[in-house]
Structure formats: C-alpha cells, structure tokens
Protein backbone atom coordinates (compact mmCIF):
# COMPACT_ATOMS: atom_id res chain seq x y z
CA UNK A 1 -12.20 -18.69 43.61
CA UNK A 2 -11.09 -19.34 47.21
CA UNK A 3 -13.60 -19.94 50.02
CA UNK A 4 -12.20 -16.95 51.91
CA UNK A 5 -12.87 -14.65 48.95
CA UNK A 6 -16.35 -16.11 48.53
CA UNK A 7 -17.09 -15.39 52.20
CA UNK A 8 -15.88 -11.79 51.82
CA UNK A 9 -18.03 -11.30 48.72
CA UNK A 10 -21.06 -12.80 50.50
CA UNK A 11 -20.65 -10.50 53.51
CA UNK A 12 -20.23 -7.48 51.22
CA UNK A 13 -23.33 -8.40 49.20
CA UNK A 14 -25.41 -8.84 52.37
CA UNK A 15 -24.23 -5.49 53.71
CA UNK A 16 -24.99 -3.76 50.39
CA UNK A 17 -28.37 -5.49 50.34
CA UNK A 18 -29.22 -4.07 53.76
CA UNK A 19 -28.19 -0.56 52.65
CA UNK A 20 -30.13 -0.82 49.38
CA UNK A 21 -33.22 -2.10 51.21
CA UNK A 22 -32.95 0.77 53.68
CA UNK A 23 -32.50 3.34 50.90
CA UNK A 24 -35.42 1.91 48.91
CA UNK A 25 -37.69 1.87 51.96
CA UNK A 26 -36.70 5.40 52.87
CA UNK A 27 -37.21 6.65 49.31
CA UNK A 28 -40.60 4.95 49.06
CA UNK A 29 -41.75 6.39 52.36
CA UNK A 30 -40.57 9.91 51.52
CA UNK A 31 -42.12 9.75 48.06
CA UNK A 32 -45.43 8.59 49.47
CA UNK A 33 -45.39 11.26 52.19
CA UNK A 34 -44.56 14.06 49.76
CA UNK A 35 -47.15 12.86 47.27
CA UNK A 36 -49.84 12.79 49.95
CA UNK A 37 -48.80 16.23 51.17
CA UNK A 38 -48.89 17.67 47.64
CA UNK A 39 -52.30 16.15 46.93
CA UNK A 40 -53.75 17.57 50.15
CA UNK A 41 -52.23 21.00 49.45
CA UNK A 42 -53.71 21.09 45.96
CA UNK A 43 -57.15 20.32 47.37
CA UNK A 44 -56.74 23.06 49.95
CA UNK A 45 -55.38 25.58 47.42
CA UNK A 46 -58.23 24.87 45.05
CA UNK A 47 -60.72 25.62 47.84
CA UNK A 48 -58.83 28.83 48.57
CA UNK A 49 -58.89 29.82 44.90
CA UNK A 50 -62.65 29.26 44.71
CA UNK A 51 -63.11 31.29 47.88
CA UNK A 52 -60.90 34.15 46.60
CA UNK A 53 -62.69 34.19 43.23
CA UNK A 54 -66.06 34.58 44.93
CA UNK A 55 -64.69 37.55 46.85
CA UNK A 56 -63.04 39.08 43.78
CA UNK A 57 -66.14 39.03 41.57
CA UNK A 58 -68.17 40.55 44.38
CA UNK A 59 -66.15 43.76 44.14
CA UNK A 60 -66.97 46.64 41.85
CA UNK A 61 -63.51 47.11 40.37
CA UNK A 62 -60.16 45.39 39.93
CA UNK A 63 -58.46 48.01 42.12
CA UNK A 64 -60.17 46.50 45.17
CA UNK A 65 -58.69 43.08 44.64
CA UNK A 66 -55.41 43.85 46.43
CA UNK A 67 -57.26 44.16 49.75
CA UNK A 68 -58.64 40.65 49.33
CA UNK A 69 -55.29 39.15 48.28
CA UNK A 70 -53.48 40.63 51.30
CA UNK A 71 -55.79 38.71 53.65
CA UNK A 72 -54.08 35.42 52.72
CA UNK A 73 -50.61 35.75 54.24
CA UNK A 74 -49.58 32.11 54.04
CA UNK A 75 -50.35 31.78 50.35
CA UNK A 76 -48.52 33.29 47.40
CA UNK A 77 -51.26 34.72 45.12
CA UNK A 78 -50.81 36.19 41.65
CA UNK A 79 -53.69 37.37 39.44
CA UNK A 80 -53.07 37.89 35.72
CA UNK A 81 -55.30 39.15 32.91
CA UNK A 82 -55.72 37.59 29.50
CA UNK A 83 -52.55 39.33 28.31
CA UNK A 84 -50.52 37.59 31.08
CA UNK A 85 -50.08 40.93 32.78
CA UNK A 86 -50.06 40.83 36.58
CA UNK A 87 -53.10 42.66 37.91
CA UNK A 88 -52.30 42.12 41.60
CA UNK A 89 -50.25 39.78 43.77
CA UNK A 90 -49.50 39.12 47.41
CA UNK A 91 -46.45 40.65 49.02
CA UNK A 92 -43.91 38.40 50.78
CA UNK A 93 -42.52 34.99 49.96
CA UNK A 94 -41.85 34.13 46.31
CA UNK A 95 -42.37 30.79 44.59
CA UNK A 96 -39.88 27.99 45.18
CA UNK A 97 -39.24 24.58 43.71
CA UNK A 98 -40.93 22.93 46.69
CA UNK A 99 -44.18 24.88 46.24
CA UNK A 100 -47.50 23.29 45.34
CA UNK A 101 -49.18 25.44 42.66
CA UNK A 102 -52.80 25.65 41.55
CA UNK A 103 -54.21 27.84 38.73
CA UNK A 104 -57.90 28.68 38.32
CA UNK A 105 -59.45 30.83 35.49
CA UNK A 106 -62.43 33.12 36.07
CA UNK A 107 -64.31 36.05 34.43
CA UNK A 108 -64.90 39.56 35.70
CA UNK A 109 -66.55 42.39 33.80
CA UNK A 110 -66.49 40.40 30.59
CA UNK A 111 -62.73 39.76 30.73
CA UNK A 112 -60.81 36.58 31.50
CA UNK A 113 -58.45 36.37 34.46
CA UNK A 114 -56.23 33.70 35.98
CA UNK A 115 -55.50 33.28 39.68
CA UNK A 116 -52.30 31.44 40.59
CA UNK A 117 -51.76 30.34 44.15
CA UNK A 118 -48.94 28.39 45.75
CA UNK A 119 -47.94 27.16 49.17
CA UNK A 120 -44.75 25.66 50.62
CA UNK A 121 -45.08 21.89 50.44
CA UNK A 122 -44.21 20.97 54.05
CA UNK A 123 -45.45 24.00 55.92
CA UNK A 124 -48.24 22.14 57.67
CA UNK A 125 -46.57 18.71 57.79
CA UNK A 126 -44.23 18.91 60.72
CA UNK A 127 -45.91 15.82 62.11
CA UNK A 128 -45.16 13.93 58.93
CA UNK A 129 -41.54 15.01 59.07
CA UNK A 130 -41.39 13.74 62.65
CA UNK A 131 -42.79 10.44 61.48
CA UNK A 132 -40.16 10.31 58.76
CA UNK A 133 -37.42 10.89 61.33
CA UNK A 134 -38.86 8.14 63.51
CA UNK A 135 -39.02 5.86 60.49
CA UNK A 136 -35.38 6.60 59.61
CA UNK A 137 -34.38 5.94 63.20
CA UNK A 138 -36.19 2.59 63.19
CA UNK A 139 -34.54 1.67 59.89
CA UNK A 140 -31.17 2.57 61.41
CA UNK A 141 -31.84 0.35 64.43
CA UNK A 142 -32.94 -2.49 62.17
CA UNK A 143 -29.80 -2.10 60.04
CA UNK A 144 -27.53 -2.06 63.10
CA UNK A 145 -29.30 -5.13 64.47
CA UNK A 146 -28.97 -6.92 61.14
CA UNK A 147 -25.27 -6.08 60.98
CA UNK A 148 -24.84 -7.25 64.57
CA UNK A 149 -26.47 -10.59 63.75
CA UNK A 150 -24.32 -10.81 60.63
CA UNK A 151 -21.16 -10.20 62.66
CA UNK A 152 -22.17 -12.92 65.13
CA UNK A 153 -22.83 -15.34 62.27
CA UNK A 154 -19.50 -14.52 60.65
CA UNK A 155 -17.69 -14.92 63.96
CA UNK A 156 -19.30 -18.28 64.68
CA UNK A 157 -18.83 -19.50 61.11
CA UNK A 158 -15.35 -18.13 60.41
CA UNK A 159 -13.43 -16.23 63.08
CA UNK A 160 -13.94 -18.70 65.93
CA UNK A 161 -12.76 -21.64 63.86
CA UNK A 162 -9.86 -19.78 62.28
CA UNK A 163 -8.86 -18.63 65.76
CA UNK A 164 -8.74 -22.26 66.87
CA UNK A 165 -6.74 -23.12 63.77
CA UNK A 166 -4.26 -20.34 64.51
CA UNK A 167 -3.81 -21.52 68.11
CA UNK A 168 -3.23 -25.11 66.96
CA UNK A 169 -0.57 -23.99 64.47
CA UNK A 170 1.03 -21.71 67.06
CA UNK A 171 1.20 -24.56 69.58
CA UNK A 172 2.72 -26.85 66.95
CA UNK A 173 5.34 -24.20 66.23
CA UNK A 174 6.28 -24.03 69.93
CA UNK A 175 6.05 -27.68 70.96
CA UNK A 176 6.37 -29.61 67.70
CA UNK A 177 3.15 -31.46 68.56
CA UNK A 178 -0.16 -30.85 66.83
CA UNK A 179 -3.15 -30.64 69.14
CA UNK A 180 -6.15 -32.56 67.88
CA UNK A 181 -9.13 -30.24 67.47
CA UNK A 182 -12.45 -30.50 65.66
CA UNK A 183 -13.18 -27.70 63.21
CA UNK A 184 -16.04 -27.28 60.77
CA UNK A 185 -16.25 -25.96 57.24
CA UNK A 186 -13.31 -24.59 55.33
CA UNK A 187 -11.26 -24.08 58.51
CA UNK A 188 -11.68 -27.80 59.21
CA UNK A 189 -10.43 -28.69 55.74
CA UNK A 190 -7.42 -26.40 56.23
CA UNK A 191 -6.69 -28.07 59.58
CA UNK A 192 -6.96 -31.56 58.06
CA UNK A 193 -4.61 -30.53 55.26
CA UNK A 194 -2.16 -29.04 57.77
CA UNK A 195 -2.37 -32.18 59.92
CA UNK A 196 -1.66 -34.34 56.87
CA UNK A 197 1.26 -32.07 55.97
CA UNK A 198 2.78 -32.32 59.47
CA UNK A 199 2.41 -36.11 59.42
CA UNK A 200 4.15 -36.26 56.05
CA UNK A 201 6.93 -34.02 57.35
CA UNK A 202 7.36 -36.20 60.43
CA UNK A 203 7.52 -39.32 58.23
CA UNK A 204 10.07 -37.65 55.99
CA UNK A 205 12.14 -36.62 59.00
CA UNK A 206 12.02 -40.19 60.33
CA UNK A 207 13.03 -41.49 56.91
CA UNK A 208 15.87 -39.00 56.73
CA UNK A 209 17.13 -39.97 60.17
CA UNK A 210 16.90 -43.66 59.30
CA UNK A 211 18.61 -43.13 55.94
CA UNK A 212 21.44 -41.15 57.52
CA UNK A 213 21.86 -43.74 60.28
CA UNK A 214 21.79 -46.63 57.80
CA UNK A 215 24.22 -45.02 55.38
CA UNK A 216 26.51 -44.05 58.23
CA UNK A 217 26.48 -47.66 59.42
CA UNK A 218 26.89 -49.08 55.91
CA UNK A 219 29.80 -46.77 55.13
CA UNK A 220 31.42 -47.29 58.50
CA UNK A 221 31.90 -51.06 58.01
CA UNK A 222 33.85 -50.96 54.69
CA UNK A 223 35.62 -47.79 55.78
CA UNK A 224 36.90 -49.58 58.90
CA UNK A 225 38.16 -52.39 56.67
CA UNK A 226 39.87 -49.90 54.35
CA UNK A 227 41.61 -48.23 57.28
CA UNK A 228 42.71 -51.62 58.66
CA UNK A 229 44.13 -52.83 55.35
CA UNK A 230 45.78 -49.46 54.74
CA UNK A 231 47.49 -49.75 58.10
CA UNK A 232 48.74 -53.25 57.22
CA UNK A 233 50.04 -52.01 53.87
CA UNK A 234 52.27 -49.55 55.72
CA UNK A 235 54.00 -52.37 57.59
CA UNK A 236 57.25 -53.78 56.27
CA UNK A 237 57.84 -57.35 55.28
CA UNK A 238 54.54 -57.87 53.47
CA UNK A 239 54.76 -60.16 50.46
CA UNK A 240 53.70 -58.91 47.06
CA UNK A 241 50.95 -61.52 46.94
CA UNK A 242 49.58 -60.35 50.31
CA UNK A 243 49.93 -56.68 49.29
CA UNK A 244 47.91 -57.37 46.12
CA UNK A 245 45.16 -59.06 48.20
CA UNK A 246 45.05 -56.04 50.54
CA UNK A 247 44.93 -53.57 47.66
CA UNK A 248 42.15 -55.53 45.93
CA UNK A 249 40.20 -55.58 49.18
CA UNK A 250 40.66 -51.81 49.68
CA UNK A 251 39.53 -51.19 46.12
CA UNK A 252 36.47 -53.46 46.51
CA UNK A 253 35.43 -51.72 49.72
CA UNK A 254 35.94 -48.31 48.08
CA UNK A 255 33.71 -49.33 45.17
CA UNK A 256 31.06 -50.43 47.67
CA UNK A 257 31.17 -47.03 49.38
CA UNK A 258 31.09 -45.25 46.04
CA UNK A 259 28.04 -47.27 44.95
CA UNK A 260 26.14 -46.39 48.11
CA UNK A 261 27.05 -42.69 47.94
CA UNK A 262 26.09 -42.49 44.24
CA UNK A 263 22.79 -44.24 44.90
CA UNK A 264 22.03 -41.92 47.79
CA UNK A 265 22.91 -38.89 45.67
CA UNK A 266 20.62 -40.18 42.94
CA UNK A 267 17.80 -40.69 45.44
CA UNK A 268 18.17 -37.12 46.68
CA UNK A 269 18.14 -35.93 43.06
CA UNK A 270 14.81 -37.65 42.40
CA UNK A 271 13.41 -36.08 45.58
CA UNK A 272 14.16 -32.58 44.27
CA UNK A 273 11.21 -31.29 42.15
CA UNK A 274 12.23 -30.59 38.60
CA UNK A 275 10.55 -30.14 35.27
CA UNK A 276 10.05 -33.50 33.57
CA UNK A 277 10.57 -33.95 29.85
CA UNK A 278 7.47 -36.00 29.18
CA UNK A 279 6.36 -37.27 25.81
CA UNK A 280 3.53 -39.43 24.50
CA UNK A 281 4.53 -43.10 24.47
CA UNK A 282 2.33 -45.99 23.37
CA UNK A 283 2.14 -49.37 25.07
CA UNK A 284 3.75 -50.89 21.99
CA UNK A 285 6.69 -48.47 22.28
CA UNK A 286 7.13 -49.32 25.96
CA UNK A 287 7.37 -53.02 25.13
CA UNK A 288 9.84 -52.36 22.29
CA UNK A 289 11.95 -50.13 24.54
CA UNK A 290 12.18 -52.76 27.30
CA UNK A 291 13.05 -55.52 24.83
CA UNK A 292 15.71 -53.38 23.15
CA UNK A 293 17.32 -52.15 26.39
CA UNK A 294 17.14 -55.19 28.69
CA UNK A 295 16.42 -58.46 26.88
CA UNK A 296 20.01 -59.19 25.90
CA UNK A 297 21.41 -57.98 29.23
CA UNK A 298 18.99 -60.19 31.17
CA UNK A 299 19.69 -63.13 28.86
CA UNK A 300 23.40 -62.88 29.75
CA UNK A 301 22.34 -63.13 33.41
CA UNK A 302 20.36 -66.28 32.57
CA UNK A 303 16.94 -64.59 32.74
CA UNK A 304 14.15 -65.23 30.24
CA UNK A 305 12.35 -61.89 29.65
CA UNK A 306 8.79 -62.47 28.38
CA UNK A 307 6.72 -59.50 27.22
CA UNK A 308 3.02 -59.09 26.44
CA UNK A 309 1.02 -56.09 25.23
CA UNK A 310 -2.70 -56.06 26.08
CA UNK A 311 -3.04 -52.29 25.70
CA UNK A 312 -2.61 -52.03 21.92
CA UNK A 313 -1.88 -48.37 21.08
CA UNK A 314 -2.95 -46.85 24.42
CA UNK A 315 -0.80 -43.80 25.18
CA UNK A 316 0.74 -42.38 28.35
CA UNK A 317 2.86 -39.26 29.00
CA UNK A 318 6.17 -40.22 30.64
CA UNK A 319 9.77 -39.12 30.94
CA UNK A 320 11.48 -41.98 29.08
CA UNK A 321 14.89 -41.43 30.71
CA UNK A 322 13.43 -41.61 34.21
CA UNK A 323 11.30 -44.65 33.42
CA UNK A 324 14.36 -46.40 32.06
CA UNK A 325 15.70 -46.02 35.59
CA UNK A 326 12.44 -47.46 37.01
CA UNK A 327 12.57 -50.59 34.84
CA UNK A 328 16.30 -51.03 35.42
CA UNK A 329 15.91 -50.83 39.20
CA UNK A 330 13.05 -53.32 39.24
CA UNK A 331 15.00 -55.79 37.06
CA UNK A 332 18.06 -55.38 39.32
CA UNK A 333 15.92 -56.13 42.37
CA UNK A 334 14.61 -59.29 40.74
CA UNK A 335 18.15 -60.47 39.90
CA UNK A 336 19.05 -60.36 43.60
CA UNK A 337 16.20 -62.63 44.67
CA UNK A 338 16.05 -65.52 42.20
CA UNK A 339 16.11 -68.94 43.85
CA UNK A 340 15.22 -71.21 40.93
CA UNK A 341 17.59 -72.35 38.23
CA UNK A 342 15.09 -71.22 35.61
CA UNK A 343 14.85 -67.44 35.98
CA UNK A 344 11.83 -65.72 34.41
CA UNK A 345 10.63 -62.11 34.29
CA UNK A 346 7.23 -61.32 32.76
CA UNK A 347 6.73 -57.75 31.56
CA UNK A 348 3.11 -56.93 30.65
CA UNK A 349 1.20 -53.79 29.69
CA UNK A 350 -2.62 -53.59 29.92
CA UNK A 351 -5.15 -50.77 30.08
CA UNK A 352 -8.73 -49.72 30.68
CA UNK A 353 -10.47 -46.56 29.49
CA UNK A 354 -8.62 -44.35 32.03
CA UNK A 355 -5.30 -45.98 32.95
CA UNK A 356 -2.35 -48.00 31.72
CA UNK A 357 -1.17 -50.86 33.93
CA UNK A 358 2.43 -52.12 33.84
CA UNK A 359 3.27 -55.32 35.72
CA UNK A 360 6.74 -56.83 36.18
CA UNK A 361 6.72 -60.33 37.71
CA UNK A 362 9.56 -62.66 38.58
CA UNK A 363 9.74 -66.22 39.92
CA UNK A 364 12.08 -65.29 42.77
CA UNK A 365 11.65 -65.81 46.49
CA UNK A 366 8.96 -63.14 46.99
CA UNK A 367 8.37 -61.03 50.10
CA UNK A 368 6.44 -61.68 53.30
CA UNK A 369 2.89 -60.41 52.88
CA UNK A 370 3.02 -57.96 55.78
CA UNK A 371 6.23 -56.40 54.40
CA UNK A 372 5.04 -55.72 50.83
CA UNK A 373 4.33 -52.05 51.57
CA UNK A 374 7.77 -51.58 53.14
CA UNK A 375 9.99 -52.56 50.22
CA UNK A 376 9.64 -49.10 48.67
CA UNK A 377 10.96 -47.43 51.82
CA UNK A 378 14.52 -46.08 51.51
CA UNK A 379 17.16 -48.62 52.52
CA UNK A 380 14.63 -51.28 53.53
CA UNK A 381 15.61 -54.88 52.74
CA UNK A 382 13.87 -58.22 53.03
CA UNK A 383 17.27 -59.93 52.81
CA UNK A 384 18.18 -60.95 56.37
CA UNK A 385 21.79 -61.39 55.33
CA UNK A 386 22.23 -57.67 54.60
CA UNK A 387 22.33 -54.82 57.07
CA UNK A 388 20.85 -52.32 54.61
CA UNK A 389 19.41 -52.39 51.12
CA UNK A 390 19.83 -49.96 48.31
CA UNK A 391 17.55 -47.15 47.27
CA UNK A 392 16.46 -48.64 43.96
CA UNK A 393 12.77 -49.27 44.69
CA UNK A 394 12.51 -46.03 46.67
CA UNK A 395 13.75 -44.20 43.56
CA UNK A 396 11.13 -46.07 41.49
CA UNK A 397 8.40 -44.80 43.80
CA UNK A 398 9.63 -41.21 43.60
CA UNK A 399 9.66 -41.31 39.78
CA UNK A 400 6.24 -42.96 39.41
CA UNK A 401 4.59 -40.62 41.94
CA UNK A 402 6.15 -37.62 40.18
CA UNK A 403 4.13 -38.79 37.14
CA UNK A 404 0.98 -38.78 39.33
CA UNK A 405 1.05 -42.56 39.18
CA UNK A 406 0.92 -45.39 41.67
CA UNK A 407 3.38 -48.24 42.34
CA UNK A 408 2.87 -51.21 44.64
CA UNK A 409 3.94 -54.84 45.08
CA UNK A 410 2.13 -58.18 45.24
CA UNK A 411 3.32 -61.72 45.66
CA UNK A 412 2.79 -63.71 42.47
CA UNK A 413 0.25 -66.53 42.45
CA UNK A 414 2.86 -69.27 42.04
CA UNK A 415 6.03 -67.68 43.41
CA UNK A 416 8.07 -64.52 43.22
CA UNK A 417 7.14 -60.86 43.34
CA UNK A 418 5.04 -58.64 41.05
CA UNK A 419 5.60 -54.88 40.87
CA UNK A 420 2.57 -53.01 39.48
CA UNK A 421 2.56 -49.48 38.08
CA UNK A 422 -0.59 -47.48 37.28
CA UNK A 423 -0.48 -44.36 35.09
CA UNK A 424 -3.20 -42.12 33.65
CA UNK A 425 -3.79 -42.52 29.94
CA UNK A 426 -3.18 -39.40 27.86
CA UNK A 427 -5.44 -40.54 25.02
CA UNK A 428 -8.59 -41.20 27.03
CA UNK A 429 -11.75 -39.64 25.69
CA UNK A 430 -13.23 -36.75 27.70
CA UNK A 431 -16.47 -37.34 29.52
CA UNK A 432 -19.64 -36.09 27.89
CA UNK A 433 -22.05 -34.36 30.23
C-alpha cells in the first residue's frame, strides 16, 4: 500500500473517530438527560396519583370524580374499574410515545379501581434542552477545532513538502537544473528518487553525446580513406597491382565501419528492455559451456584456458545466449591486451549461501587502478594507440545488470586484469523467521 493511500486512510479514520466520539457523547448526554427527566416525572406523577386518590375516596360517589380530575389540566388522567372500563378521564391532550406514565390501584366502596396518569416528558425541562443545545454547540466547536488542527498537521506534514517538490520539478522542467531542497518524510524520498533519476538521465545523455561523437569520429577516418582511394581508382593509368591494393584497402576500411556500426547496434539492442529467456543453470554447467564454446578457439589463439568450479551444483537463473555474449566479449578484451608469450585465462566459479561469483582473469597488461571503473563505459579504451574502443565491456555490463547482477574489474595480484561477476543464487534457502 502506498504512503499516500495510508495518509488518506489515516485522515479519514481520524475524521470518522471525531464524528463517532461526538455522536457517542451526544447520545450519552441525551440518554442521561431523558432518563433523569423520566425518573423525576414518575416521582412527581406518583405524588399526584396519591393526592388524587385521597380526594377521590373522600367523595360520596363515583359521579363526583370528574370534578377532581378536571382540576389537573397538565396531566392526562384516566380512571378504570376492575373490568377495565373507563369511569372518568381528563379532557384534552391524549397519550403520546414521549409520555411518562404511572399507574396506581386503589379501592372505593369495596371495588377496585386503577388511576393512570401521564405527562409529556420534556414539558418542564426547557432548561435541560437549552443545556443540550449548548452541549451540542460546544461539541461542534471542539470538532471544528480538531479538524482545523488536523488540517494544519496534514499541511505541515504533506502539502507543504509536496508543494516544494512540485516547484522543484517545475523549475527543472523549465531550466533543466534541479534545485537542491531538503524535504522530510515520503516527499523527501520521492525527491531523492527524482534527483537520482535526473542524474542518471544526465549521465545517459552525456554517454550518448560521447558515443555519437566517438562513433562519428571513428567512422569519419576510414570513410575519408575510402573516399580518397575511390577517387584514385577513378583515375586512368593505374596498374592492376595498385588497383588491387586500393580495393583491398577500401574493403578493409568498409569492414571496420561495418564492425563499429554492428557493435553500436548491438549495444543499443541490449539497452532496450526486453523479456529475458532465463533458465536454471548450475555452476558445473557454466564451466562445461565455457570449455565447450571457447577452449578450442582460445587454444588456436595461443591461450591456455584454465577452469575451476568451487560452487559445486549451485544454481543461477540466466539467459544463456546473452551470457555467451558476456563471456565472448571478456575473452576478446583479454586477447587484445596480452603482453607475455605465455597467454593464460583463468575462469573460476565460486559461491556463498546467497550469490554465485564468476571471475575471469588474464595475465595481460592490466589497467591503471584509477581507470578500473571506466572500462565498462561505452567506447572507453585504455589503449593509448586507439582513438576509441569498442562496446564489448559496456554490453557485458548491460547484460549482467539486466540480470540484477554486478560486474566490476580488478587488477590481478601478479599481472593482468580480473573481471568479476556477482549473481543471486536461485537455489538459496529462504530465511526462517
């Protein structure tokens, strides 16, 4: 659940809590007031009933009772005999649901009678009603105050920071520069993520500009040669031997351009997100794959490929086709930088409980320590004799990172360069909590 939704739910719950508390308080107060009013009315009605009974039994006949009943105008009085027949009753208001009723039996002339009296519940409680209104008004003020405080809290905790975030994004949209601001809470995390995103975009844009400039420069040189030799081929009087040299040169330069364009196209392809066809591969299978695909090819180039498996049957999920490209690019890079007559590449796989570690070491010339992080940049080269390098190691980084892995370089202890790859194991045991 997002933090924004949690905040909305919290505000809604607080608001509902205030309303429920108000309703409960109001209901409790009203119930208590009505109960007290009803209790007092019953006490009063009982006194009236006792008073009326004394007057009734003092008369000589039942026919005189109506005169007594009519004296009590504010009370509804009904007198019934033992047969539930009405003997006399007061004239005026009838009983309602809000009446308080009291019944009292008595005897007259040897017969049983029942006097029923009732009174409107709130007739004498205007003061209590006023108190109830005052109480409701106070509850309303308290609720408004609580909501006001809640709005201030929400503004300080959410709106103010999100407003600052919006202004920062708006300014970046207009100027292309992100203003550094300090935000707290979830808004701060959003800003940090946005800042990281803009930095990544700027780095990508710089890389793209550098790649385009480098490729333009690298294509321009052989293309100029091709145009020059093509112009010479159009001249008359060129010997067949010279023509063949020119044609071979044009073809060689064309192949060079084609290689660079294909490599760049491949790099762009690996930068486009796509669904990977991953499968479970053991460390043993990785070693067998490398030996089968590259050992003979490297041997023809005079390289001794030595493999070692320290991970046993540890398993990782990889796209085998893409990782073939990774290993091939790393081997190709090593072939360009051997300086010893004896050429060696060590390919090792190790693991711990969470990861598989692949290391590929050669005994070549190595790389300056401060430039180790740069060799995976597109078109970077440590070879001072070349204007630009290929995109091989940059493609390796794209593939490994698309597997949520990590790739980096170290200089070997003796000589040469070591490329290390870290990948999450797919067979690791889940944690027990």
